């Protein structure tokens, strides 16, 4: 139970630091980029959590399936936001 609290605390502090640095740099972030980032990170975290949970239950095939089903869409969302921010950077330069 304390592990879940610590993971939530670390994720919350990480997101706070990320958004504070973006705000301090004066960059504008669209609302859907924030939504996609949080959703992508949540899917990646959920996939990794299920992966290790399934491995602990000696179900390696289910572990791999969970990682693929939840991890790949999370990576796609995170990559979408990253490429969009990079494209905006190059357009402003």
PDB file of N, CA and C in Angstrom:
ATOM      1  N   UNK A   1       0.816  -1.189   0.000  1.00  0.00           N
ATOM      2  CA  UNK A   1       0.000   0.000   0.000  1.00  0.00           C
ATOM      3  C   UNK A   1       0.864   1.259   0.000  1.00  0.00           C
ATOM      4  N   UNK A   2       1.972   1.225   0.739  1.00  0.00           N
ATOM      5  CA  UNK A   2       2.853   2.390   0.779  1.00  0.00           C
ATOM      6  C   UNK A   2       3.552   2.576  -0.561  1.00  0.00           C
ATOM      7  N   UNK A   3       3.769   1.483  -1.301  1.00  0.00           N
ATOM      8  CA  UNK A   3       4.398   1.570  -2.617  1.00  0.00           C
ATOM      9  C   UNK A   3       3.545   2.359  -3.590  1.00  0.00           C
ATOM     10  N   UNK A   4       2.240   2.157  -3.549  1.00  0.00           N
ATOM     11  CA  UNK A   4       1.333   2.887  -4.434  1.00  0.00           C
ATOM     12  C   UNK A   4       1.372   4.375  -4.095  1.00  0.00           C
ATOM     13  N   UNK A   5       1.407   4.689  -2.816  1.00  0.00           N
ATOM     14  CA  UNK A   5       1.489   6.086  -2.395  1.00  0.00           C
ATOM     15  C   UNK A   5       2.779   6.729  -2.886  1.00  0.00           C
ATOM     16  N   UNK A   6       3.891   6.030  -2.753  1.00  0.00           N
ATOM     17  CA  UNK A   6       5.171   6.589  -3.178  1.00  0.00           C
ATOM     18  C   UNK A   6       5.231   6.775  -4.692  1.00  0.00           C
ATOM     19  N   UNK A   7       4.684   5.841  -5.448  1.00  0.00           N
ATOM     20  CA  UNK A   7       4.652   5.983  -6.904  1.00  0.00           C
ATOM     21  C   UNK A   7       3.789   7.177  -7.289  1.00  0.00           C
ATOM     22  N   UNK A   8       2.633   7.317  -6.677  1.00  0.00           N
ATOM     23  CA  UNK A   8       1.771   8.465  -6.950  1.00  0.00           C
ATOM     24  C   UNK A   8       2.429   9.777  -6.584  1.00  0.00           C
ATOM     25  N   UNK A   9       3.144   9.788  -5.473  1.00  0.00           N
ATOM     26  CA  UNK A   9       3.857  10.991  -5.050  1.00  0.00           C
ATOM     27  C   UNK A   9       4.949  11.355  -6.051  1.00  0.00           C
ATOM     28  N   UNK A  10       5.706  10.380  -6.510  1.00  0.00           N
ATOM     29  CA  UNK A  10       6.770  10.641  -7.481  1.00  0.00           C
ATOM     30  C   UNK A  10       6.211  11.113  -8.821  1.00  0.00           C
ATOM     31  N   UNK A  11       5.129  10.500  -9.274  1.00  0.00           N
ATOM     32  CA  UNK A  11       4.509  10.918 -10.530  1.00  0.00           C
ATOM     33  C   UNK A  11       3.972  12.332 -10.401  1.00  0.00           C
ATOM     34  N   UNK A  12       3.327  12.633  -9.294  1.00  0.00           N
ATOM     35  CA  UNK A  12       2.794  13.971  -9.079  1.00  0.00           C
ATOM     36  C   UNK A  12       3.891  15.024  -9.029  1.00  0.00           C
ATOM     37  N   UNK A  13       4.970  14.737  -8.332  1.00  0.00           N
ATOM     38  CA  UNK A  13       6.094  15.676  -8.276  1.00  0.00           C
ATOM     39  C   UNK A  13       6.748  15.839  -9.640  1.00  0.00           C
ATOM     40  N   UNK A  14       6.845  14.743 -10.389  1.00  0.00           N
ATOM     41  CA  UNK A  14       7.420  14.819 -11.726  1.00  0.00           C
ATOM     42  C   UNK A  14       6.582  15.670 -12.663  1.00  0.00           C
ATOM     43  N   UNK A  15       5.270  15.483 -12.633  1.00  0.00           N
ATOM     44  CA  UNK A  15       4.391  16.281 -13.485  1.00  0.00           C
ATOM     45  C   UNK A  15       4.396  17.744 -13.060  1.00  0.00           C
ATOM     46  N   UNK A  16       4.439  17.989 -11.766  1.00  0.00           N
ATOM     47  CA  UNK A  16       4.524  19.365 -11.282  1.00  0.00           C
ATOM     48  C   UNK A  16       5.801  20.032 -11.771  1.00  0.00           C
ATOM     49  N   UNK A  17       6.923  19.331 -11.676  1.00  0.00           N
ATOM     50  CA  UNK A  17       8.189  19.881 -12.151  1.00  0.00           C
ATOM     51  C   UNK A  17       8.187  20.123 -13.647  1.00  0.00           C
ATOM     52  N   UNK A  18       7.596  19.202 -14.405  1.00  0.00           N
ATOM     53  CA  UNK A  18       7.517  19.352 -15.857  1.00  0.00           C
ATOM     54  C   UNK A  18       6.699  20.575 -16.237  1.00  0.00           C
ATOM     55  N   UNK A  19       5.513  20.711 -15.673  1.00  0.00           N
ATOM     56  CA  UNK A  19       4.658  21.833 -16.015  1.00  0.00           C
ATOM     57  C   UNK A  19       5.189  23.153 -15.471  1.00  0.00           C
ATOM     58  N   UNK A  20       5.891  23.122 -14.343  1.00  0.00           N
ATOM     59  CA  UNK A  20       6.506  24.344 -13.824  1.00  0.00           C
ATOM     60  C   UNK A  20       7.623  24.820 -14.751  1.00  0.00           C
ATOM     61  N   UNK A  21       8.416  23.883 -15.269  1.00  0.00           N
ATOM     62  CA  UNK A  21       9.499  24.284 -16.170  1.00  0.00           C
ATOM     63  C   UNK A  21       8.956  24.792 -17.498  1.00  0.00           C
ATOM     64  N   UNK A  22       7.867  24.192 -17.972  1.00  0.00           N
ATOM     65  CA  UNK A  22       7.254  24.670 -19.219  1.00  0.00           C
ATOM     66  C   UNK A  22       6.693  26.073 -19.015  1.00  0.00           C
ATOM     67  N   UNK A  23       6.030  26.292 -17.914  1.00  0.00           N
ATOM     68  CA  UNK A  23       5.452  27.607 -17.637  1.00  0.00           C
ATOM     69  C   UNK A  23       6.542  28.650 -17.439  1.00  0.00           C
ATOM     70  N   UNK A  24       7.646  28.283 -16.778  1.00  0.00           N
ATOM     71  CA  UNK A  24       8.734  29.228 -16.537  1.00  0.00           C
ATOM     72  C   UNK A  24       9.439  29.608 -17.841  1.00  0.00           C
ATOM     73  N   UNK A  25       9.465  28.707 -18.803  1.00  0.00           N
ATOM     74  CA  UNK A  25      10.131  29.015 -20.070  1.00  0.00           C
ATOM     75  C   UNK A  25       9.255  29.874 -20.984  1.00  0.00           C
ATOM     76  N   UNK A  26       7.994  30.053 -20.626  1.00  0.00           N
ATOM     77  CA  UNK A  26       7.107  30.912 -21.400  1.00  0.00           C
ATOM     78  C   UNK A  26       6.498  30.235 -22.608  1.00  0.00           C
ATOM     79  N   UNK A  27       6.626  28.934 -22.705  1.00  0.00           N
ATOM     80  CA  UNK A  27       6.041  28.212 -23.838  1.00  0.00           C
ATOM     81  C   UNK A  27       4.563  27.970 -23.593  1.00  0.00           C
ATOM     82  N   UNK A  28       3.821  27.933 -24.676  1.00  0.00           N
ATOM     83  CA  UNK A  28       2.393  27.639 -24.576  1.00  0.00           C
ATOM     84  C   UNK A  28       2.177  26.159 -24.869  1.00  0.00           C
ATOM     85  N   UNK A  29       1.326  25.554 -24.070  1.00  0.00           N
ATOM     86  CA  UNK A  29       0.996  24.140 -24.251  1.00  0.00           C
ATOM     87  C   UNK A  29      -0.512  24.042 -24.425  1.00  0.00           C
ATOM     88  N   UNK A  30      -0.927  23.359 -25.478  1.00  0.00           N
ATOM     89  CA  UNK A  30      -2.352  23.184 -25.728  1.00  0.00           C
ATOM     90  C   UNK A  30      -2.934  22.208 -24.708  1.00  0.00           C
ATOM     91  N   UNK A  31      -4.222  22.332 -24.449  1.00  0.00           N
ATOM     92  CA  UNK A  31      -4.864  21.491 -23.438  1.00  0.00           C
ATOM     93  C   UNK A  31      -4.812  20.017 -23.834  1.00  0.00           C
ATOM     94  N   UNK A  32      -4.901  19.727 -25.131  1.00  0.00           N
ATOM     95  CA  UNK A  32      -4.897  18.325 -25.541  1.00  0.00           C
ATOM     96  C   UNK A  32      -3.493  17.726 -25.466  1.00  0.00           C
ATOM     97  N   UNK A  33      -2.448  18.554 -25.523  1.00  0.00           N
ATOM     98  CA  UNK A  33      -1.102  18.022 -25.333  1.00  0.00           C
ATOM     99  C   UNK A  33      -0.901  17.586 -23.886  1.00  0.00           C
ATOM    100  N   UNK A  34      -1.448  18.343 -22.963  1.00  0.00           N
ATOM    101  CA  UNK A  34      -1.386  17.947 -21.560  1.00  0.00           C
ATOM    102  C   UNK A  34      -2.184  16.668 -21.347  1.00  0.00           C
ATOM    103  N   UNK A  35      -3.382  16.617 -21.930  1.00  0.00           N
ATOM    104  CA  UNK A  35      -4.230  15.440 -21.787  1.00  0.00           C
ATOM    105  C   UNK A  35      -3.549  14.202 -22.372  1.00  0.00           C
ATOM    106  N   UNK A  36      -2.985  14.332 -23.578  1.00  0.00           N
ATOM    107  CA  UNK A  36      -2.322  13.193 -24.215  1.00  0.00           C
ATOM    108  C   UNK A  36      -1.077  12.762 -23.454  1.00  0.00           C
ATOM    109  N   UNK A  37      -0.358  13.724 -22.876  1.00  0.00           N
ATOM    110  CA  UNK A  37       0.824  13.378 -22.089  1.00  0.00           C
ATOM    111  C   UNK A  37       0.445  12.585 -20.847  1.00  0.00           C
ATOM    112  N   UNK A  38      -0.537  13.069 -20.129  1.00  0.00           N
ATOM    113  CA  UNK A  38      -0.968  12.374 -18.911  1.00  0.00           C
ATOM    114  C   UNK A  38      -1.547  11.003 -19.252  1.00  0.00           C
ATOM    115  N   UNK A  39      -2.354  10.939 -20.297  1.00  0.00           N
ATOM    116  CA  UNK A  39      -2.937   9.662 -20.707  1.00  0.00           C
ATOM    117  C   UNK A  39      -1.858   8.686 -21.168  1.00  0.00           C
ATOM    118  N   UNK A  40      -0.894   9.165 -21.939  1.00  0.00           N
ATOM    119  CA  UNK A  40       0.192   8.314 -22.411  1.00  0.00           C
ATOM    120  C   UNK A  40       1.038   7.778 -21.271  1.00  0.00           C
ATOM    121  N   UNK A  41       1.405   8.654 -20.343  1.00  0.00           N
ATOM    122  CA  UNK A  41       2.193   8.210 -19.193  1.00  0.00           C
ATOM    123  C   UNK A  41       1.398   7.250 -18.308  1.00  0.00           C
ATOM    124  N   UNK A  42       0.096   7.504 -18.192  1.00  0.00           N
ATOM    125  CA  UNK A  42      -0.747   6.597 -17.418  1.00  0.00           C
ATOM    126  C   UNK A  42      -0.831   5.213 -18.054  1.00  0.00           C
ATOM    127  N   UNK A  43      -0.970   5.170 -19.371  1.00  0.00           N
ATOM    128  CA  UNK A  43      -1.017   3.881 -20.061  1.00  0.00           C
ATOM    129  C   UNK A  43       0.306   3.134 -19.950  1.00  0.00           C
ATOM    130  N   UNK A  44       1.408   3.856 -20.094  1.00  0.00           N
ATOM    131  CA  UNK A  44       2.717   3.216 -19.960  1.00  0.00           C
ATOM    132  C   UNK A  44       2.893   2.672 -18.540  1.00  0.00           C
ATOM    133  N   UNK A  45       2.557   3.483 -17.554  1.00  0.00           N
ATOM    134  CA  UNK A  45       2.673   3.031 -16.161  1.00  0.00           C
ATOM    135  C   UNK A  45       1.778   1.851 -15.855  1.00  0.00           C
ATOM    136  N   UNK A  46       0.543   1.891 -16.380  1.00  0.00           N
ATOM    137  CA  UNK A  46      -0.386   0.786 -16.165  1.00  0.00           C
ATOM    138  C   UNK A  46       0.118  -0.491 -16.829  1.00  0.00           C
ATOM    139  N   UNK A  47       0.683  -0.342 -18.019  1.00  0.00           N
ATOM    140  CA  UNK A  47       1.225  -1.514 -18.720  1.00  0.00           C
ATOM    141  C   UNK A  47       2.396  -2.135 -17.980  1.00  0.00           C
ATOM    142  N   UNK A  48       3.297  -1.295 -17.474  1.00  0.00           N
ATOM    143  CA  UNK A  48       4.446  -1.810 -16.724  1.00  0.00           C
ATOM    144  C   UNK A  48       3.992  -2.444 -15.416  1.00  0.00           C
ATOM    145  N   UNK A  49       3.026  -1.794 -14.756  1.00  0.00           N
ATOM    146  CA  UNK A  49       2.509  -2.340 -13.491  1.00  0.00           C
ATOM    147  C   UNK A  49       1.882  -3.719 -13.725  1.00  0.00           C
ATOM    148  N   UNK A  50       1.068  -3.845 -14.765  1.00  0.00           N
ATOM    149  CA  UNK A  50       0.452  -5.131 -15.072  1.00  0.00           C
ATOM    150  C   UNK A  50       1.478  -6.163 -15.522  1.00  0.00           C
ATOM    151  N   UNK A  51       2.516  -5.704 -16.216  1.00  0.00           N
ATOM    152  CA  UNK A  51       3.566  -6.620 -16.664  1.00  0.00           C
ATOM    153  C   UNK A  51       4.216  -7.302 -15.467  1.00  0.00           C
ATOM    154  N   UNK A  52       4.665  -6.501 -14.508  1.00  0.00           N
ATOM    155  CA  UNK A  52       5.330  -7.092 -13.350  1.00  0.00           C
ATOM    156  C   UNK A  52       4.357  -7.855 -12.460  1.00  0.00           C
ATOM    157  N   UNK A  53       3.110  -7.418 -12.407  1.00  0.00           N
ATOM    158  CA  UNK A  53       2.107  -8.162 -11.641  1.00  0.00           C
ATOM    159  C   UNK A  53       1.841  -9.531 -12.246  1.00  0.00           C
ATOM    160  N   UNK A  54       1.772  -9.601 -13.561  1.00  0.00           N
ATOM    161  CA  UNK A  54       1.547 -10.891 -14.218  1.00  0.00           C
ATOM    162  C   UNK A  54       2.767 -11.787 -14.106  1.00  0.00           C
ATOM    163  N   UNK A  55       3.959 -11.193 -14.154  1.00  0.00           N
ATOM    164  CA  UNK A  55       5.165 -12.013 -13.963  1.00  0.00           C
ATOM    165  C   UNK A  55       5.219 -12.575 -12.548  1.00  0.00           C
ATOM    166  N   UNK A  56       4.753 -11.806 -11.571  1.00  0.00           N
ATOM    167  CA  UNK A  56       4.737 -12.288 -10.190  1.00  0.00           C
ATOM    168  C   UNK A  56       3.773 -13.444 -10.023  1.00  0.00           C
ATOM    169  N   UNK A  57       2.759 -13.514 -10.876  1.00  0.00           N
ATOM    170  CA  UNK A  57       1.794 -14.605 -10.836  1.00  0.00           C
ATOM    171  C   UNK A  57       2.163 -15.722 -11.807  1.00  0.00           C
ATOM    172  N   UNK A  58       3.381 -15.683 -12.331  1.00  0.00           N
ATOM    173  CA  UNK A  58       3.912 -16.715 -13.232  1.00  0.00           C
ATOM    174  C   UNK A  58       3.070 -16.863 -14.490  1.00  0.00           C
ATOM    175  N   UNK A  59       2.732 -15.734 -15.098  1.00  0.00           N
ATOM    176  CA  UNK A  59       1.980 -15.729 -16.354  1.00  0.00           C
ATOM    177  C   UNK A  59       2.728 -14.854 -17.359  1.00  0.00           C
ATOM    178  N   UNK A  60       3.830 -15.368 -17.930  1.00  0.00           N
ATOM    179  CA  UNK A  60       4.643 -14.530 -18.810  1.00  0.00           C
ATOM    180  C   UNK A  60       3.932 -14.137 -20.111  1.00  0.00           C
ATOM    181  N   UNK A  61       3.048 -14.991 -20.609  1.00  0.00           N
ATOM    182  CA  UNK A  61       2.331 -14.652 -21.843  1.00  0.00           C
ATOM    183  C   UNK A  61       1.348 -13.497 -21.579  1.00  0.00           C
ATOM    184  N   UNK A  62       0.666 -13.534 -20.467  1.00  0.00           N
ATOM    185  CA  UNK A  62      -0.237 -12.447 -20.109  1.00  0.00           C
ATOM    186  C   UNK A  62       0.546 -11.166 -19.813  1.00  0.00           C
ATOM    187  N   UNK A  63       1.736 -11.308 -19.242  1.00  0.00           N
ATOM    188  CA  UNK A  63       2.562 -10.139 -18.962  1.00  0.00           C
ATOM    189  C   UNK A  63       2.953  -9.430 -20.251  1.00  0.00           C
ATOM    190  N   UNK A  64       3.378 -10.193 -21.230  1.00  0.00           N
ATOM    191  CA  UNK A  64       3.757  -9.603 -22.517  1.00  0.00           C
ATOM    192  C   UNK A  64       2.555  -8.970 -23.201  1.00  0.00           C
ATOM    193  N   UNK A  65       1.416  -9.641 -23.157  1.00  0.00           N
ATOM    194  CA  UNK A  65       0.204  -9.097 -23.780  1.00  0.00           C
ATOM    195  C   UNK A  65      -0.212  -7.792 -23.109  1.00  0.00           C
ATOM    196  N   UNK A  66      -0.162  -7.736 -21.790  1.00  0.00           N
ATOM    197  CA  UNK A  66      -0.505  -6.502 -21.075  1.00  0.00           C
ATOM    198  C   UNK A  66       0.434  -5.363 -21.447  1.00  0.00           C
ATOM    199  N   UNK A  67       1.720  -5.669 -21.531  1.00  0.00           N
ATOM    200  CA  UNK A  67       2.681  -4.633 -21.876  1.00  0.00           C
ATOM    201  C   UNK A  67       2.441  -4.112 -23.288  1.00  0.00           C
ATOM    202  N   UNK A  68       2.124  -4.999 -24.216  1.00  0.00           N
ATOM    203  CA  UNK A  68       1.865  -4.573 -25.591  1.00  0.00           C
ATOM    204  C   UNK A  68       0.548  -3.816 -25.722  1.00  0.00           C
ATOM    205  N   UNK A  69      -0.480  -4.300 -25.054  1.00  0.00           N
ATOM    206  CA  UNK A  69      -1.812  -3.688 -25.186  1.00  0.00           C
ATOM    207  C   UNK A  69      -1.851  -2.295 -24.573  1.00  0.00           C
ATOM    208  N   UNK A  70      -1.177  -2.103 -23.454  1.00  0.00           N
ATOM    209  CA  UNK A  70      -1.228  -0.807 -22.787  1.00  0.00           C
ATOM    210  C   UNK A  70       0.001   0.054 -23.072  1.00  0.00           C
ATOM    211  N   UNK A  71       1.148  -0.550 -23.281  1.00  0.00           N
ATOM    212  CA  UNK A  71       2.376   0.210 -23.466  1.00  0.00           C
ATOM    213  C   UNK A  71       2.493   0.863 -24.829  1.00  0.00           C
ATOM    214  N   UNK A  72       2.119   0.152 -25.881  1.00  0.00           N
ATOM    215  CA  UNK A  72       2.260   0.705 -27.226  1.00  0.00           C
ATOM    216  C   UNK A  72       1.364   1.922 -27.450  1.00  0.00           C
ATOM    217  N   UNK A  73       0.081   1.883 -27.083  1.00  0.00           N
ATOM    218  CA  UNK A  73      -0.708   3.117 -27.231  1.00  0.00           C
ATOM    219  C   UNK A  73      -0.169   4.278 -26.394  1.00  0.00           C
ATOM    220  N   UNK A  74       0.373   3.981 -25.222  1.00  0.00           N
ATOM    221  CA  UNK A  74       0.973   5.028 -24.406  1.00  0.00           C
ATOM    222  C   UNK A  74       2.191   5.631 -25.079  1.00  0.00           C
ATOM    223  N   UNK A  75       3.025   4.789 -25.686  1.00  0.00           N
ATOM    224  CA  UNK A  75       4.185   5.300 -26.412  1.00  0.00           C
ATOM    225  C   UNK A  75       3.775   6.117 -27.627  1.00  0.00           C
ATOM    226  N   UNK A  76       2.709   5.698 -28.304  1.00  0.00           N
ATOM    227  CA  UNK A  76       2.233   6.442 -29.472  1.00  0.00           C
ATOM    228  C   UNK A  76       1.748   7.831 -29.053  1.00  0.00           C
ATOM    229  N   UNK A  77       1.000   7.910 -27.968  1.00  0.00           N
ATOM    230  CA  UNK A  77       0.530   9.212 -27.489  1.00  0.00           C
ATOM    231  C   UNK A  77       1.695  10.110 -27.056  1.00  0.00           C
ATOM    232  N   UNK A  78       2.653   9.523 -26.347  1.00  0.00           N
ATOM    233  CA  UNK A  78       3.805  10.313 -25.904  1.00  0.00           C
ATOM    234  C   UNK A  78       4.626  10.782 -27.106  1.00  0.00           C
ATOM    235  N   UNK A  79       4.789   9.934 -28.110  1.00  0.00           N
ATOM    236  CA  UNK A  79       5.544  10.313 -29.304  1.00  0.00           C
ATOM    237  C   UNK A  79       4.811  11.396 -30.082  1.00  0.00           C
ATOM    238  N   UNK A  80       3.487  11.323 -30.127  1.00  0.00           N
ATOM    239  CA  UNK A  80       2.699  12.343 -30.809  1.00  0.00           C
ATOM    240  C   UNK A  80       2.946  13.717 -30.203  1.00  0.00           C
ATOM    241  N   UNK A  81       2.921  13.790 -28.889  1.00  0.00           N
ATOM    242  CA  UNK A  81       3.139  15.078 -28.219  1.00  0.00           C
ATOM    243  C   UNK A  81       4.579  15.537 -28.431  1.00  0.00           C
ATOM    244  N   UNK A  82       5.532  14.620 -28.333  1.00  0.00           N
ATOM    245  CA  UNK A  82       6.931  14.987 -28.514  1.00  0.00           C
ATOM    246  C   UNK A  82       7.181  15.529 -29.916  1.00  0.00           C
ATOM    247  N   UNK A  83       6.676  14.859 -30.942  1.00  0.00           N
ATOM    248  CA  UNK A  83       6.876  15.320 -32.311  1.00  0.00           C
ATOM    249  C   UNK A  83       6.164  16.643 -32.553  1.00  0.00           C
ATOM    250  N   UNK A  84       5.030  16.818 -31.935  1.00  0.00           N
ATOM    251  CA  UNK A  84       4.296  18.072 -32.105  1.00  0.00           C
ATOM    252  C   UNK A  84       5.053  19.251 -31.489  1.00  0.00           C
ATOM    253  N   UNK A  85       5.626  19.031 -30.318  1.00  0.00           N
ATOM    254  CA  UNK A  85       6.406  20.082 -29.666  1.00  0.00           C
ATOM    255  C   UNK A  85       7.663  20.372 -30.486  1.00  0.00           C
ATOM    256  N   UNK A  86       8.323  19.330 -30.982  1.00  0.00           N
ATOM    257  CA  UNK A  86       9.512  19.530 -31.800  1.00  0.00           C
ATOM    258  C   UNK A  86       9.193  20.285 -33.087  1.00  0.00           C
ATOM    259  N   UNK A  87       8.069  19.967 -33.702  1.00  0.00           N
ATOM    260  CA  UNK A  87       7.672  20.634 -34.938  1.00  0.00           C
ATOM    261  C   UNK A  87       7.389  22.112 -34.662  1.00  0.00           C
ATOM    262  N   UNK A  88       6.750  22.398 -33.541  1.00  0.00           N
ATOM    263  CA  UNK A  88       6.472  23.784 -33.182  1.00  0.00           C
ATOM    264  C   UNK A  88       7.764  24.539 -32.926  1.00  0.00           C
ATOM    265  N   UNK A  89       8.749  23.876 -32.313  1.00  0.00           N
ATOM    266  CA  UNK A  89      10.050  24.493 -32.072  1.00  0.00           C
ATOM    267  C   UNK A  89      10.739  24.860 -33.378  1.00  0.00           C
ATOM    268  N   UNK A  90      10.728  23.934 -34.342  1.00  0.00           N
ATOM    269  CA  UNK A  90      11.412  24.193 -35.608  1.00  0.00           C
ATOM    270  C   UNK A  90      10.673  25.236 -36.436  1.00  0.00           C
ATOM    271  N   UNK A  91       9.369  25.343 -36.302  1.00  0.00           N
ATOM    272  CA  UNK A  91       8.595  26.336 -37.043  1.00  0.00           C
ATOM    273  C   UNK A  91       8.854  27.729 -36.479  1.00  0.00           C
ATOM    274  N   UNK A  92       9.114  27.831 -35.170  1.00  0.00           N
ATOM    275  CA  UNK A  92       9.365  29.136 -34.554  1.00  0.00           C
ATOM    276  C   UNK A  92      10.809  29.586 -34.722  1.00  0.00           C
ATOM    277  N   UNK A  93      11.695  28.667 -35.037  1.00  0.00           N
ATOM    278  CA  UNK A  93      13.136  29.015 -35.141  1.00  0.00           C
ATOM    279  C   UNK A  93      13.462  29.723 -36.439  1.00  0.00           C
TER     280      UNK A  93
END
